[in-house]
């Protein structure tokens, strides 16, 4: 069941779109994820879990930058999603963003997909 586009928020260098598709909350950050913009991503991730969407798909294909604060937001979302029986799936990371996950070893704790379609196709019951 697709519930459409629950919302889009923006703060300077980052825009975050959220939609629900089946059992997944699809969160698409666009721009730069850093200490100035991290709350803009943290809030919809946490809200999605609170609403019962413990399977979070973060479409990273438009994310141009991610620093340690952004990484911590995703790690925090992973803990909450897993506590609710789900997880965080990262899709379509650009090389500059993928490098941060590679350097820190964080890619080992996330399920990473080549693109959004692959992430959605891996959902239970698909």
C-alpha atoms as a PDB file:
ATOM      1  CA  UNK A   1       0.000   0.000   0.000  1.00  0.00           C
ATOM      2  CA  UNK A   2       1.513   3.309  -1.072  1.00  0.00           C
ATOM      3  CA  UNK A   3       0.551   6.166   1.213  1.00  0.00           C
ATOM      4  CA  UNK A   4       2.004   8.809  -1.078  1.00  0.00           C
ATOM      5  CA  UNK A   5       4.267  11.624   0.017  1.00  0.00           C
ATOM      6  CA  UNK A   6       3.851  12.412   3.728  1.00  0.00           C
ATOM      7  CA  UNK A   7       6.136  15.365   3.435  1.00  0.00           C
ATOM      8  CA  UNK A   8       9.173  17.270   2.433  1.00  0.00           C
ATOM      9  CA  UNK A   9      11.251  19.585   4.582  1.00  0.00           C
ATOM     10  CA  UNK A  10      14.225  21.763   3.767  1.00  0.00           C
ATOM     11  CA  UNK A  11      16.935  23.567   5.692  1.00  0.00           C
ATOM     12  CA  UNK A  12      19.444  25.387   3.536  1.00  0.00           C
ATOM     13  CA  UNK A  13      21.715  22.770   2.015  1.00  0.00           C
ATOM     14  CA  UNK A  14      19.516  19.725   2.708  1.00  0.00           C
ATOM     15  CA  UNK A  15      16.034  18.702   1.622  1.00  0.00           C
ATOM     16  CA  UNK A  16      14.423  15.516   2.935  1.00  0.00           C
ATOM     17  CA  UNK A  17      11.464  13.836   1.250  1.00  0.00           C
ATOM     18  CA  UNK A  18       9.543  11.035   2.947  1.00  0.00           C
ATOM     19  CA  UNK A  19       7.063   8.613   1.455  1.00  0.00           C
ATOM     20  CA  UNK A  20       5.703   5.262   2.483  1.00  0.00           C
ATOM     21  CA  UNK A  21       5.774   2.335   0.109  1.00  0.00           C
ATOM     22  CA  UNK A  22       4.479  -0.978   1.360  1.00  0.00           C
ATOM     23  CA  UNK A  23       6.224  -1.859   4.610  1.00  0.00           C
ATOM     24  CA  UNK A  24       8.989   0.700   4.020  1.00  0.00           C
ATOM     25  CA  UNK A  25       9.452   4.356   4.804  1.00  0.00           C
ATOM     26  CA  UNK A  26      11.493   5.769   1.924  1.00  0.00           C
ATOM     27  CA  UNK A  27      13.533   8.753   3.068  1.00  0.00           C
ATOM     28  CA  UNK A  28      15.388  10.736   0.409  1.00  0.00           C
ATOM     29  CA  UNK A  29      17.897  13.318   1.614  1.00  0.00           C
ATOM     30  CA  UNK A  30      19.155  15.671  -1.080  1.00  0.00           C
ATOM     31  CA  UNK A  31      22.193  17.881  -0.619  1.00  0.00           C
ATOM     32  CA  UNK A  32      24.661  17.993   2.270  1.00  0.00           C
ATOM     33  CA  UNK A  33      24.183  16.048   5.500  1.00  0.00           C
ATOM     34  CA  UNK A  34      26.321  17.563   8.271  1.00  0.00           C
ATOM     35  CA  UNK A  35      26.072  18.937  11.803  1.00  0.00           C
ATOM     36  CA  UNK A  36      23.960  21.884  10.578  1.00  0.00           C
ATOM     37  CA  UNK A  37      21.393  19.728   8.793  1.00  0.00           C
ATOM     38  CA  UNK A  38      21.434  16.425  10.713  1.00  0.00           C
ATOM     39  CA  UNK A  39      18.212  17.052  12.649  1.00  0.00           C
ATOM     40  CA  UNK A  40      16.375  17.475   9.365  1.00  0.00           C
ATOM     41  CA  UNK A  41      17.085  13.812   8.611  1.00  0.00           C
ATOM     42  CA  UNK A  42      16.924  12.503  12.190  1.00  0.00           C
ATOM     43  CA  UNK A  43      13.351  13.689  12.773  1.00  0.00           C
ATOM     44  CA  UNK A  44      11.634  11.909   9.844  1.00  0.00           C
ATOM     45  CA  UNK A  45      13.630   8.717  10.462  1.00  0.00           C
ATOM     46  CA  UNK A  46      12.558   8.620  14.121  1.00  0.00           C
ATOM     47  CA  UNK A  47       8.980   9.591  13.267  1.00  0.00           C
ATOM     48  CA  UNK A  48       8.733   6.806  10.696  1.00  0.00           C
ATOM     49  CA  UNK A  49       9.767   4.218  13.288  1.00  0.00           C
ATOM     50  CA  UNK A  50       7.278   5.685  15.779  1.00  0.00           C
ATOM     51  CA  UNK A  51       4.546   5.349  13.119  1.00  0.00           C
ATOM     52  CA  UNK A  52       5.349   1.652  12.725  1.00  0.00           C
ATOM     53  CA  UNK A  53       7.678   1.785   9.717  1.00  0.00           C
ATOM     54  CA  UNK A  54      10.654  -0.051  11.173  1.00  0.00           C
ATOM     55  CA  UNK A  55      12.022  -0.795   7.676  1.00  0.00           C
ATOM     56  CA  UNK A  56      13.748   2.427   6.655  1.00  0.00           C
ATOM     57  CA  UNK A  57      15.068   2.813   3.129  1.00  0.00           C
ATOM     58  CA  UNK A  58      17.364   5.807   2.738  1.00  0.00           C
ATOM     59  CA  UNK A  59      17.735   6.739  -0.916  1.00  0.00           C
ATOM     60  CA  UNK A  60      21.232   8.257  -0.911  1.00  0.00           C
ATOM     61  CA  UNK A  61      21.361   8.887  -4.666  1.00  0.00           C
ATOM     62  CA  UNK A  62      20.972  12.668  -4.163  1.00  0.00           C
ATOM     63  CA  UNK A  63      23.140  12.927  -1.068  1.00  0.00           C
ATOM     64  CA  UNK A  64      26.240  14.900  -2.060  1.00  0.00           C
ATOM     65  CA  UNK A  65      28.036  14.959   1.299  1.00  0.00           C
ATOM     66  CA  UNK A  66      27.858  13.152   4.642  1.00  0.00           C
ATOM     67  CA  UNK A  67      30.064  13.885   7.636  1.00  0.00           C
ATOM     68  CA  UNK A  68      30.371  12.046  10.952  1.00  0.00           C
ATOM     69  CA  UNK A  69      27.263  13.750  12.342  1.00  0.00           C
ATOM     70  CA  UNK A  70      25.221  12.465   9.414  1.00  0.00           C
ATOM     71  CA  UNK A  71      26.686   9.015   9.859  1.00  0.00           C
ATOM     72  CA  UNK A  72      25.700   9.100  13.536  1.00  0.00           C
ATOM     73  CA  UNK A  73      22.115  10.008  12.580  1.00  0.00           C
ATOM     74  CA  UNK A  74      21.937   6.922  10.374  1.00  0.00           C
ATOM     75  CA  UNK A  75      23.533   4.725  13.047  1.00  0.00           C
ATOM     76  CA  UNK A  76      21.012   6.001  15.604  1.00  0.00           C
ATOM     77  CA  UNK A  77      18.134   5.311  13.213  1.00  0.00           C
ATOM     78  CA  UNK A  78      19.495   1.808  12.699  1.00  0.00           C
ATOM     79  CA  UNK A  79      19.383   1.101  16.440  1.00  0.00           C
ATOM     80  CA  UNK A  80      15.786   2.328  16.755  1.00  0.00           C
ATOM     81  CA  UNK A  81      14.661   0.462  13.635  1.00  0.00           C
ATOM     82  CA  UNK A  82      16.297  -2.776  14.760  1.00  0.00           C
ATOM     83  CA  UNK A  83      14.772  -2.436  18.242  1.00  0.00           C
ATOM     84  CA  UNK A  84      11.381  -2.254  16.486  1.00  0.00           C
ATOM     85  CA  UNK A  85      12.145  -5.382  14.434  1.00  0.00           C
ATOM     86  CA  UNK A  86      13.308  -3.679  11.250  1.00  0.00           C
ATOM     87  CA  UNK A  87      16.450  -2.119   9.872  1.00  0.00           C
ATOM     88  CA  UNK A  88      17.984   0.597   7.741  1.00  0.00           C
ATOM     89  CA  UNK A  89      18.678  -0.018   4.067  1.00  0.00           C
ATOM     90  CA  UNK A  90      20.926   2.401   2.184  1.00  0.00           C
ATOM     91  CA  UNK A  91      20.460   2.721  -1.558  1.00  0.00           C
ATOM     92  CA  UNK A  92      22.318   4.384  -4.403  1.00  0.00           C
ATOM     93  CA  UNK A  93      25.221   5.928  -2.516  1.00  0.00           C
ATOM     94  CA  UNK A  94      27.423   8.222  -4.560  1.00  0.00           C
ATOM     95  CA  UNK A  95      31.157   7.418  -4.292  1.00  0.00           C
ATOM     96  CA  UNK A  96      31.918  10.455  -2.092  1.00  0.00           C
ATOM     97  CA  UNK A  97      29.311   9.307   0.456  1.00  0.00           C
ATOM     98  CA  UNK A  98      30.144   5.610   0.152  1.00  0.00           C
ATOM     99  CA  UNK A  99      33.753   6.490   1.002  1.00  0.00           C
ATOM    100  CA  UNK A 100      32.737   7.788   4.458  1.00  0.00           C
ATOM    101  CA  UNK A 101      31.015   4.473   5.183  1.00  0.00           C
ATOM    102  CA  UNK A 102      33.994   2.536   3.857  1.00  0.00           C
ATOM    103  CA  UNK A 103      36.592   4.475   5.869  1.00  0.00           C
ATOM    104  CA  UNK A 104      34.638   4.127   9.123  1.00  0.00           C
ATOM    105  CA  UNK A 105      33.582   0.521   8.545  1.00  0.00           C
ATOM    106  CA  UNK A 106      29.938   1.547   8.872  1.00  0.00           C
ATOM    107  CA  UNK A 107      28.948  -0.184   5.629  1.00  0.00           C
ATOM    108  CA  UNK A 108      29.287  -3.459   7.537  1.00  0.00           C
ATOM    109  CA  UNK A 109      26.338  -2.626   9.821  1.00  0.00           C
ATOM    110  CA  UNK A 110      23.924  -1.459   7.124  1.00  0.00           C
ATOM    111  CA  UNK A 111      22.256  -3.313   4.293  1.00  0.00           C
ATOM    112  CA  UNK A 112      23.519  -1.505   1.189  1.00  0.00           C
ATOM    113  CA  UNK A 113      21.791  -1.714  -2.203  1.00  0.00           C
ATOM    114  CA  UNK A 114      22.919  -0.478  -5.605  1.00  0.00           C
ATOM    115  CA  UNK A 115      19.730   1.534  -6.099  1.00  0.00           C
ATOM    116  CA  UNK A 116      16.299   2.267  -4.673  1.00  0.00           C
ATOM    117  CA  UNK A 117      14.553  -0.374  -6.797  1.00  0.00           C
ATOM    118  CA  UNK A 118      16.830  -3.092  -5.410  1.00  0.00           C
ATOM    119  CA  UNK A 119      16.215  -1.902  -1.840  1.00  0.00           C
ATOM    120  CA  UNK A 120      12.448  -1.935  -2.307  1.00  0.00           C
ATOM    121  CA  UNK A 121      12.532  -5.317  -4.045  1.00  0.00           C
ATOM    122  CA  UNK A 122      14.243  -6.821  -0.991  1.00  0.00           C
ATOM    123  CA  UNK A 123      11.294  -5.970   1.272  1.00  0.00           C
ATOM    124  CA  UNK A 124       9.499  -8.888   2.943  1.00  0.00           C
ATOM    125  CA  UNK A 125       6.612 -10.215   0.902  1.00  0.00           C
ATOM    126  CA  UNK A 126       7.870  -8.759  -2.389  1.00  0.00           C
END
